[in-house]
Amino acid sequence: MNRRLSQRILHRLQLRESWIIFFIMGIIMMNFPFLHIFNKADTLFGFPLMFLYLTIGWAVSIFVIYLFTLAVSLSGEKKNDQKS
């Protein structure tokens, strides 16, 4: 069950629409309205909100890129298997 779910997610990430959606979401996250929301003097666990927003966004972006590269490499392996 878990393997099947992960294969379905990786297959979905191969779609061109997924790449475009995540790219647009990244651009929107770095524009004025969202940056203005988190640019406050408040802190959470002693860290400014803007710092946490950018750090967590950066980590999530790296994870999404990792998933995309994993999906691409798995599709490349499947194509090589089918040729043999």
PDB file of N, CA and C in Angstrom:
ATOM      1  N   MET A   1       0.830  -1.195   0.000  1.00  0.00           N
ATOM      2  CA  MET A   1       0.000   0.000   0.000  1.00  0.00           C
ATOM      3  C   MET A   1       0.872   1.255   0.000  1.00  0.00           C
ATOM      4  N   ASN A   2       1.867   1.304   0.882  1.00  0.00           N
ATOM      5  CA  ASN A   2       2.724   2.483   0.995  1.00  0.00           C
ATOM      6  C   ASN A   2       3.538   2.680  -0.283  1.00  0.00           C
ATOM      7  N   ARG A   3       4.043   1.594  -0.851  1.00  0.00           N
ATOM      8  CA  ARG A   3       4.829   1.678  -2.083  1.00  0.00           C
ATOM      9  C   ARG A   3       3.947   2.145  -3.242  1.00  0.00           C
ATOM     10  N   ARG A   4       2.720   1.656  -3.286  1.00  0.00           N
ATOM     11  CA  ARG A   4       1.801   2.043  -4.351  1.00  0.00           C
ATOM     12  C   ARG A   4       1.467   3.534  -4.269  1.00  0.00           C
ATOM     13  N   LEU A   5       1.275   4.011  -3.056  1.00  0.00           N
ATOM     14  CA  LEU A   5       0.986   5.430  -2.861  1.00  0.00           C
ATOM     15  C   LEU A   5       2.163   6.289  -3.302  1.00  0.00           C
ATOM     16  N   SER A   6       3.372   5.886  -2.927  1.00  0.00           N
ATOM     17  CA  SER A   6       4.548   6.671  -3.315  1.00  0.00           C
ATOM     18  C   SER A   6       4.735   6.653  -4.826  1.00  0.00           C
ATOM     19  N   GLN A   7       4.434   5.544  -5.485  1.00  0.00           N
ATOM     20  CA  GLN A   7       4.548   5.496  -6.944  1.00  0.00           C
ATOM     21  C   GLN A   7       3.521   6.406  -7.610  1.00  0.00           C
ATOM     22  N   ARG A   8       2.318   6.477  -7.048  1.00  0.00           N
ATOM     23  CA  ARG A   8       1.296   7.357  -7.602  1.00  0.00           C
ATOM     24  C   ARG A   8       1.698   8.823  -7.453  1.00  0.00           C
ATOM     25  N   ILE A   9       2.272   9.168  -6.298  1.00  0.00           N
ATOM     26  CA  ILE A   9       2.711  10.551  -6.074  1.00  0.00           C
ATOM     27  C   ILE A   9       3.835  10.905  -7.043  1.00  0.00           C
ATOM     28  N   LEU A  10       4.803   9.996  -7.195  1.00  0.00           N
ATOM     29  CA  LEU A  10       5.918  10.268  -8.097  1.00  0.00           C
ATOM     30  C   LEU A  10       5.449  10.353  -9.546  1.00  0.00           C
ATOM     31  N   HIS A  11       4.453   9.566  -9.908  1.00  0.00           N
ATOM     32  CA  HIS A  11       3.905   9.655 -11.270  1.00  0.00           C
ATOM     33  C   HIS A  11       3.237  11.003 -11.486  1.00  0.00           C
ATOM     34  N   ARG A  12       2.523  11.494 -10.474  1.00  0.00           N
ATOM     35  CA  ARG A  12       1.862  12.794 -10.575  1.00  0.00           C
ATOM     36  C   ARG A  12       2.883  13.917 -10.732  1.00  0.00           C
ATOM     37  N   LEU A  13       4.041  13.782 -10.083  1.00  0.00           N
ATOM     38  CA  LEU A  13       5.059  14.827 -10.155  1.00  0.00           C
ATOM     39  C   LEU A  13       5.741  14.874 -11.517  1.00  0.00           C
ATOM     40  N   GLN A  14       5.572  13.835 -12.320  1.00  0.00           N
ATOM     41  CA  GLN A  14       6.163  13.839 -13.654  1.00  0.00           C
ATOM     42  C   GLN A  14       5.358  14.705 -14.613  1.00  0.00           C
ATOM     43  N   LEU A  15       4.144  15.012 -14.260  1.00  0.00           N
ATOM     44  CA  LEU A  15       3.292  15.788 -15.142  1.00  0.00           C
ATOM     45  C   LEU A  15       3.778  17.236 -15.242  1.00  0.00           C
ATOM     46  N   ARG A  16       3.704  17.774 -16.423  1.00  0.00           N
ATOM     47  CA  ARG A  16       4.168  19.140 -16.669  1.00  0.00           C
ATOM     48  C   ARG A  16       3.388  20.158 -15.838  1.00  0.00           C
ATOM     49  N   GLU A  17       2.093  19.890 -15.623  1.00  0.00           N
ATOM     50  CA  GLU A  17       1.266  20.824 -14.853  1.00  0.00           C
ATOM     51  C   GLU A  17       1.766  20.957 -13.416  1.00  0.00           C
ATOM     52  N   SER A  18       2.238  19.867 -12.846  1.00  0.00           N
ATOM     53  CA  SER A  18       2.752  19.912 -11.474  1.00  0.00           C
ATOM     54  C   SER A  18       3.968  20.827 -11.383  1.00  0.00           C
ATOM     55  N   TRP A  19       4.847  20.731 -12.361  1.00  0.00           N
ATOM     56  CA  TRP A  19       6.037  21.572 -12.375  1.00  0.00           C
ATOM     57  C   TRP A  19       5.637  23.044 -12.449  1.00  0.00           C
ATOM     58  N   ILE A  20       4.694  23.345 -13.305  1.00  0.00           N
ATOM     59  CA  ILE A  20       4.256  24.734 -13.487  1.00  0.00           C
ATOM     60  C   ILE A  20       3.567  25.256 -12.236  1.00  0.00           C
ATOM     61  N   ILE A  21       2.714  24.437 -11.628  1.00  0.00           N
ATOM     62  CA  ILE A  21       1.999  24.860 -10.420  1.00  0.00           C
ATOM     63  C   ILE A  21       2.970  25.165  -9.287  1.00  0.00           C
ATOM     64  N   PHE A  22       3.951  24.297  -9.055  1.00  0.00           N
ATOM     65  CA  PHE A  22       4.905  24.538  -7.977  1.00  0.00           C
ATOM     66  C   PHE A  22       5.783  25.750  -8.272  1.00  0.00           C
ATOM     67  N   PHE A  23       6.125  25.975  -9.525  1.00  0.00           N
ATOM     68  CA  PHE A  23       6.905  27.156  -9.885  1.00  0.00           C
ATOM     69  C   PHE A  23       6.121  28.431  -9.591  1.00  0.00           C
ATOM     70  N   ILE A  24       4.863  28.456 -10.000  1.00  0.00           N
ATOM     71  CA  ILE A  24       4.026  29.635  -9.767  1.00  0.00           C
ATOM     72  C   ILE A  24       3.797  29.847  -8.271  1.00  0.00           C
ATOM     73  N   MET A  25       3.596  28.767  -7.524  1.00  0.00           N
ATOM     74  CA  MET A  25       3.434  28.914  -6.070  1.00  0.00           C
ATOM     75  C   MET A  25       4.682  29.499  -5.427  1.00  0.00           C
ATOM     76  N   GLY A  26       5.858  29.105  -5.908  1.00  0.00           N
ATOM     77  CA  GLY A  26       7.103  29.662  -5.381  1.00  0.00           C
ATOM     78  C   GLY A  26       7.227  31.147  -5.671  1.00  0.00           C
ATOM     79  N   ILE A  27       6.835  31.552  -6.855  1.00  0.00           N
ATOM     80  CA  ILE A  27       6.877  32.976  -7.208  1.00  0.00           C
ATOM     81  C   ILE A  27       5.895  33.767  -6.347  1.00  0.00           C
ATOM     82  N   ILE A  28       4.699  33.222  -6.166  1.00  0.00           N
ATOM     83  CA  ILE A  28       3.692  33.919  -5.358  1.00  0.00           C
ATOM     84  C   ILE A  28       4.157  34.049  -3.911  1.00  0.00           C
ATOM     85  N   MET A  29       4.798  33.013  -3.381  1.00  0.00           N
ATOM     86  CA  MET A  29       5.266  33.060  -1.998  1.00  0.00           C
ATOM     87  C   MET A  29       6.323  34.138  -1.780  1.00  0.00           C
ATOM     88  N   MET A  30       7.046  34.500  -2.820  1.00  0.00           N
ATOM     89  CA  MET A  30       8.121  35.481  -2.680  1.00  0.00           C
ATOM     90  C   MET A  30       7.704  36.884  -3.108  1.00  0.00           C
ATOM     91  N   ASN A  31       6.420  37.121  -3.314  1.00  0.00           N
ATOM     92  CA  ASN A  31       5.940  38.441  -3.702  1.00  0.00           C
ATOM     93  C   ASN A  31       5.376  39.199  -2.509  1.00  0.00           C
ATOM     94  N   PHE A  32       5.034  40.441  -2.754  1.00  0.00           N
ATOM     95  CA  PHE A  32       4.675  41.393  -1.713  1.00  0.00           C
ATOM     96  C   PHE A  32       3.627  40.908  -0.710  1.00  0.00           C
ATOM     97  N   PRO A  33       2.475  40.421  -1.108  1.00  0.00           N
ATOM     98  CA  PRO A  33       1.456  40.146  -0.075  1.00  0.00           C
ATOM     99  C   PRO A  33       1.942  39.170   0.993  1.00  0.00           C
ATOM    100  N   PHE A  34       2.588  38.090   0.584  1.00  0.00           N
ATOM    101  CA  PHE A  34       3.023  37.102   1.571  1.00  0.00           C
ATOM    102  C   PHE A  34       4.200  37.609   2.395  1.00  0.00           C
ATOM    103  N   LEU A  35       5.132  38.287   1.760  1.00  0.00           N
ATOM    104  CA  LEU A  35       6.252  38.830   2.523  1.00  0.00           C
ATOM    105  C   LEU A  35       5.779  39.898   3.508  1.00  0.00           C
ATOM    106  N   HIS A  36       4.778  40.665   3.133  1.00  0.00           N
ATOM    107  CA  HIS A  36       4.239  41.696   4.028  1.00  0.00           C
ATOM    108  C   HIS A  36       3.523  41.066   5.227  1.00  0.00           C
ATOM    109  N   ILE A  37       2.859  39.957   5.008  1.00  0.00           N
ATOM    110  CA  ILE A  37       2.155  39.264   6.105  1.00  0.00           C
ATOM    111  C   ILE A  37       3.138  38.836   7.192  1.00  0.00           C
ATOM    112  N   PHE A  38       4.293  38.321   6.780  1.00  0.00           N
ATOM    113  CA  PHE A  38       5.247  37.786   7.748  1.00  0.00           C
ATOM    114  C   PHE A  38       6.304  38.791   8.187  1.00  0.00           C
ATOM    115  N   ASN A  39       6.315  39.991   7.648  1.00  0.00           N
ATOM    116  CA  ASN A  39       7.289  41.005   8.033  1.00  0.00           C
ATOM    117  C   ASN A  39       6.756  41.791   9.230  1.00  0.00           C
ATOM    118  N   LYS A  40       6.745  41.151  10.374  1.00  0.00           N
ATOM    119  CA  LYS A  40       6.248  41.747  11.612  1.00  0.00           C
ATOM    120  C   LYS A  40       7.328  41.620  12.689  1.00  0.00           C
ATOM    121  N   ALA A  41       7.178  42.378  13.736  1.00  0.00           N
ATOM    122  CA  ALA A  41       8.139  42.340  14.836  1.00  0.00           C
ATOM    123  C   ALA A  41       7.879  41.159  15.775  1.00  0.00           C
ATOM    124  N   ASP A  42       6.809  40.403  15.538  1.00  0.00           N
ATOM    125  CA  ASP A  42       6.486  39.262  16.396  1.00  0.00           C
ATOM    126  C   ASP A  42       7.518  38.156  16.223  1.00  0.00           C
ATOM    127  N   THR A  43       7.640  37.345  17.267  1.00  0.00           N
ATOM    128  CA  THR A  43       8.553  36.204  17.210  1.00  0.00           C
ATOM    129  C   THR A  43       7.805  34.931  17.584  1.00  0.00           C
ATOM    130  N   LEU A  44       8.314  33.819  17.106  1.00  0.00           N
ATOM    131  CA  LEU A  44       7.792  32.501  17.428  1.00  0.00           C
ATOM    132  C   LEU A  44       8.979  31.662  17.858  1.00  0.00           C
ATOM    133  N   PHE A  45       8.968  31.222  19.105  1.00  0.00           N
ATOM    134  CA  PHE A  45      10.097  30.497  19.702  1.00  0.00           C
ATOM    135  C   PHE A  45      11.380  31.316  19.650  1.00  0.00           C
ATOM    136  N   GLY A  46      11.240  32.626  19.708  1.00  0.00           N
ATOM    137  CA  GLY A  46      12.397  33.510  19.717  1.00  0.00           C
ATOM    138  C   GLY A  46      12.921  33.883  18.341  1.00  0.00           C
ATOM    139  N   PHE A  47      12.306  33.378  17.279  1.00  0.00           N
ATOM    140  CA  PHE A  47      12.730  33.686  15.919  1.00  0.00           C
ATOM    141  C   PHE A  47      11.723  34.635  15.268  1.00  0.00           C
ATOM    142  N   PRO A  48      12.204  35.615  14.521  1.00  0.00           N
ATOM    143  CA  PRO A  48      11.276  36.504  13.803  1.00  0.00           C
ATOM    144  C   PRO A  48      10.460  35.708  12.777  1.00  0.00           C
ATOM    145  N   LEU A  49       9.225  36.148  12.557  1.00  0.00           N
ATOM    146  CA  LEU A  49       8.344  35.426  11.639  1.00  0.00           C
ATOM    147  C   LEU A  49       8.904  35.386  10.214  1.00  0.00           C
ATOM    148  N   MET A  50       9.509  36.479   9.766  1.00  0.00           N
ATOM    149  CA  MET A  50      10.054  36.507   8.402  1.00  0.00           C
ATOM    150  C   MET A  50      11.152  35.470   8.237  1.00  0.00           C
ATOM    151  N   PHE A  51      12.015  35.343   9.236  1.00  0.00           N
ATOM    152  CA  PHE A  51      13.084  34.352   9.192  1.00  0.00           C
ATOM    153  C   PHE A  51      12.499  32.943   9.099  1.00  0.00           C
ATOM    154  N   LEU A  52      11.499  32.636   9.921  1.00  0.00           N
ATOM    155  CA  LEU A  52      10.882  31.310   9.889  1.00  0.00           C
ATOM    156  C   LEU A  52      10.193  31.060   8.550  1.00  0.00           C
ATOM    157  N   TYR A  53       9.495  32.061   8.032  1.00  0.00           N
ATOM    158  CA  TYR A  53       8.800  31.924   6.753  1.00  0.00           C
ATOM    159  C   TYR A  53       9.778  31.593   5.627  1.00  0.00           C
ATOM    160  N   LEU A  54      10.870  32.339   5.554  1.00  0.00           N
ATOM    161  CA  LEU A  54      11.851  32.101   4.497  1.00  0.00           C
ATOM    162  C   LEU A  54      12.584  30.784   4.685  1.00  0.00           C
ATOM    163  N   THR A  55      12.924  30.435   5.920  1.00  0.00           N
ATOM    164  CA  THR A  55      13.650  29.196   6.181  1.00  0.00           C
ATOM    165  C   THR A  55      12.784  27.977   5.895  1.00  0.00           C
ATOM    166  N   ILE A  56      11.550  27.992   6.357  1.00  0.00           N
ATOM    167  CA  ILE A  56      10.657  26.852   6.115  1.00  0.00           C
ATOM    168  C   ILE A  56      10.313  26.767   4.629  1.00  0.00           C
ATOM    169  N   GLY A  57      10.090  27.906   3.977  1.00  0.00           N
ATOM    170  CA  GLY A  57       9.832  27.906   2.539  1.00  0.00           C
ATOM    171  C   GLY A  57      11.000  27.362   1.745  1.00  0.00           C
ATOM    172  N   TRP A  58      12.204  27.709   2.156  1.00  0.00           N
ATOM    173  CA  TRP A  58      13.412  27.209   1.511  1.00  0.00           C
ATOM    174  C   TRP A  58      13.509  25.687   1.662  1.00  0.00           C
ATOM    175  N   ALA A  59      13.258  25.181   2.870  1.00  0.00           N
ATOM    176  CA  ALA A  59      13.327  23.734   3.109  1.00  0.00           C
ATOM    177  C   ALA A  59      12.257  22.986   2.310  1.00  0.00           C
ATOM    178  N   VAL A  60      11.063  23.526   2.256  1.00  0.00           N
ATOM    179  CA  VAL A  60       9.991  22.894   1.483  1.00  0.00           C
ATOM    180  C   VAL A  60      10.339  22.904  -0.006  1.00  0.00           C
ATOM    181  N   SER A  61      10.920  23.983  -0.495  1.00  0.00           N
ATOM    182  CA  SER A  61      11.327  24.059  -1.903  1.00  0.00           C
ATOM    183  C   SER A  61      12.364  22.999  -2.235  1.00  0.00           C
ATOM    184  N   ILE A  62      13.334  22.810  -1.363  1.00  0.00           N
ATOM    185  CA  ILE A  62      14.350  21.783  -1.585  1.00  0.00           C
ATOM    186  C   ILE A  62      13.716  20.401  -1.595  1.00  0.00           C
ATOM    187  N   PHE A  63      12.762  20.149  -0.706  1.00  0.00           N
ATOM    188  CA  PHE A  63      12.092  18.855  -0.661  1.00  0.00           C
ATOM    189  C   PHE A  63      11.285  18.606  -1.936  1.00  0.00           C
ATOM    190  N   VAL A  64      10.604  19.626  -2.436  1.00  0.00           N
ATOM    191  CA  VAL A  64       9.822  19.476  -3.672  1.00  0.00           C
ATOM    192  C   VAL A  64      10.760  19.212  -4.848  1.00  0.00           C
ATOM    193  N   ILE A  65      11.889  19.902  -4.917  1.00  0.00           N
ATOM    194  CA  ILE A  65      12.865  19.659  -5.980  1.00  0.00           C
ATOM    195  C   ILE A  65      13.401  18.231  -5.886  1.00  0.00           C
ATOM    196  N   TYR A  66      13.648  17.755  -4.677  1.00  0.00           N
ATOM    197  CA  TYR A  66      14.084  16.371  -4.482  1.00  0.00           C
ATOM    198  C   TYR A  66      13.045  15.392  -5.023  1.00  0.00           C
ATOM    199  N   LEU A  67      11.765  15.631  -4.723  1.00  0.00           N
ATOM    200  CA  LEU A  67      10.715  14.749  -5.225  1.00  0.00           C
ATOM    201  C   LEU A  67      10.653  14.776  -6.747  1.00  0.00           C
ATOM    202  N   PHE A  68      10.797  15.954  -7.346  1.00  0.00           N
ATOM    203  CA  PHE A  68      10.789  16.052  -8.802  1.00  0.00           C
ATOM    204  C   PHE A  68      11.953  15.268  -9.415  1.00  0.00           C
ATOM    205  N   THR A  69      13.151  15.413  -8.851  1.00  0.00           N
ATOM    206  CA  THR A  69      14.297  14.690  -9.405  1.00  0.00           C
ATOM    207  C   THR A  69      14.138  13.192  -9.205  1.00  0.00           C
ATOM    208  N   LEU A  70      13.549  12.782  -8.101  1.00  0.00           N
ATOM    209  CA  LEU A  70      13.287  11.363  -7.867  1.00  0.00           C
ATOM    210  C   LEU A  70      12.301  10.833  -8.896  1.00  0.00           C
ATOM    211  N   ALA A  71      11.269  11.587  -9.199  1.00  0.00           N
ATOM    212  CA  ALA A  71      10.276  11.169 -10.188  1.00  0.00           C
ATOM    213  C   ALA A  71      10.897  11.073 -11.577  1.00  0.00           C
ATOM    214  N   VAL A  72      11.753  12.027 -11.928  1.00  0.00           N
ATOM    215  CA  VAL A  72      12.392  12.004 -13.239  1.00  0.00           C
ATOM    216  C   VAL A  72      13.342  10.821 -13.350  1.00  0.00           C
ATOM    217  N   SER A  73      14.116  10.551 -12.313  1.00  0.00           N
ATOM    218  CA  SER A  73      15.065   9.435 -12.373  1.00  0.00           C
ATOM    219  C   SER A  73      14.332   8.094 -12.441  1.00  0.00           C
ATOM    220  N   LEU A  74      13.202   7.968 -11.753  1.00  0.00           N
ATOM    221  CA  LEU A  74      12.443   6.718 -11.825  1.00  0.00           C
ATOM    222  C   LEU A  74      11.826   6.529 -13.206  1.00  0.00           C
ATOM    223  N   SER A  75      11.379   7.603 -13.833  1.00  0.00           N
ATOM    224  CA  SER A  75      10.814   7.475 -15.180  1.00  0.00           C
ATOM    225  C   SER A  75      11.910   7.113 -16.174  1.00  0.00           C
ATOM    226  N   GLY A  76      13.117   7.627 -15.965  1.00  0.00           N
ATOM    227  CA  GLY A  76      14.249   7.275 -16.832  1.00  0.00           C
ATOM    228  C   GLY A  76      14.619   5.816 -16.696  1.00  0.00           C
ATOM    229  N   GLU A  77      14.572   5.271 -15.478  1.00  0.00           N
ATOM    230  CA  GLU A  77      14.857   3.860 -15.262  1.00  0.00           C
ATOM    231  C   GLU A  77      13.797   2.981 -15.926  1.00  0.00           C
ATOM    232  N   LYS A  78      12.534   3.402 -15.848  1.00  0.00           N
ATOM    233  CA  LYS A  78      11.473   2.616 -16.479  1.00  0.00           C
ATOM    234  C   LYS A  78      11.640   2.600 -17.988  1.00  0.00           C
ATOM    235  N   LYS A  79      12.032   3.721 -18.580  1.00  0.00           N
ATOM    236  CA  LYS A  79      12.235   3.772 -20.030  1.00  0.00           C
ATOM    237  C   LYS A  79      13.387   2.872 -20.435  1.00  0.00           C
ATOM    238  N   ASN A  80      14.453   2.849 -19.641  1.00  0.00           N
ATOM    239  CA  ASN A  80      15.595   1.993 -19.946  1.00  0.00           C
ATOM    240  C   ASN A  80      15.217   0.525 -19.819  1.00  0.00           C
ATOM    241  N   ASP A  81      14.385   0.172 -18.854  1.00  0.00           N
ATOM    242  CA  ASP A  81      13.937  -1.195 -18.672  1.00  0.00           C
ATOM    243  C   ASP A  81      13.079  -1.652 -19.840  1.00  0.00           C
ATOM    244  N   GLN A  82      12.249  -0.756 -20.372  1.00  0.00           N
ATOM    245  CA  GLN A  82      11.371  -1.100 -21.470  1.00  0.00           C
ATOM    246  C   GLN A  82      12.159  -1.292 -22.776  1.00  0.00           C
ATOM    247  N   LYS A  83      13.261  -0.578 -22.936  1.00  0.00           N
ATOM    248  CA  LYS A  83      14.080  -0.709 -24.149  1.00  0.00           C
ATOM    249  C   LYS A  83      14.811  -2.040 -24.166  1.00  0.00           C
ATOM    250  N   SER A  84      15.168  -2.564 -23.013  1.00  0.00           N
ATOM    251  CA  SER A  84      15.956  -3.805 -22.938  1.00  0.00           C
ATOM    252  C   SER A  84      15.132  -5.021 -23.242  1.00  0.00           C
TER     253      SER A  84
END
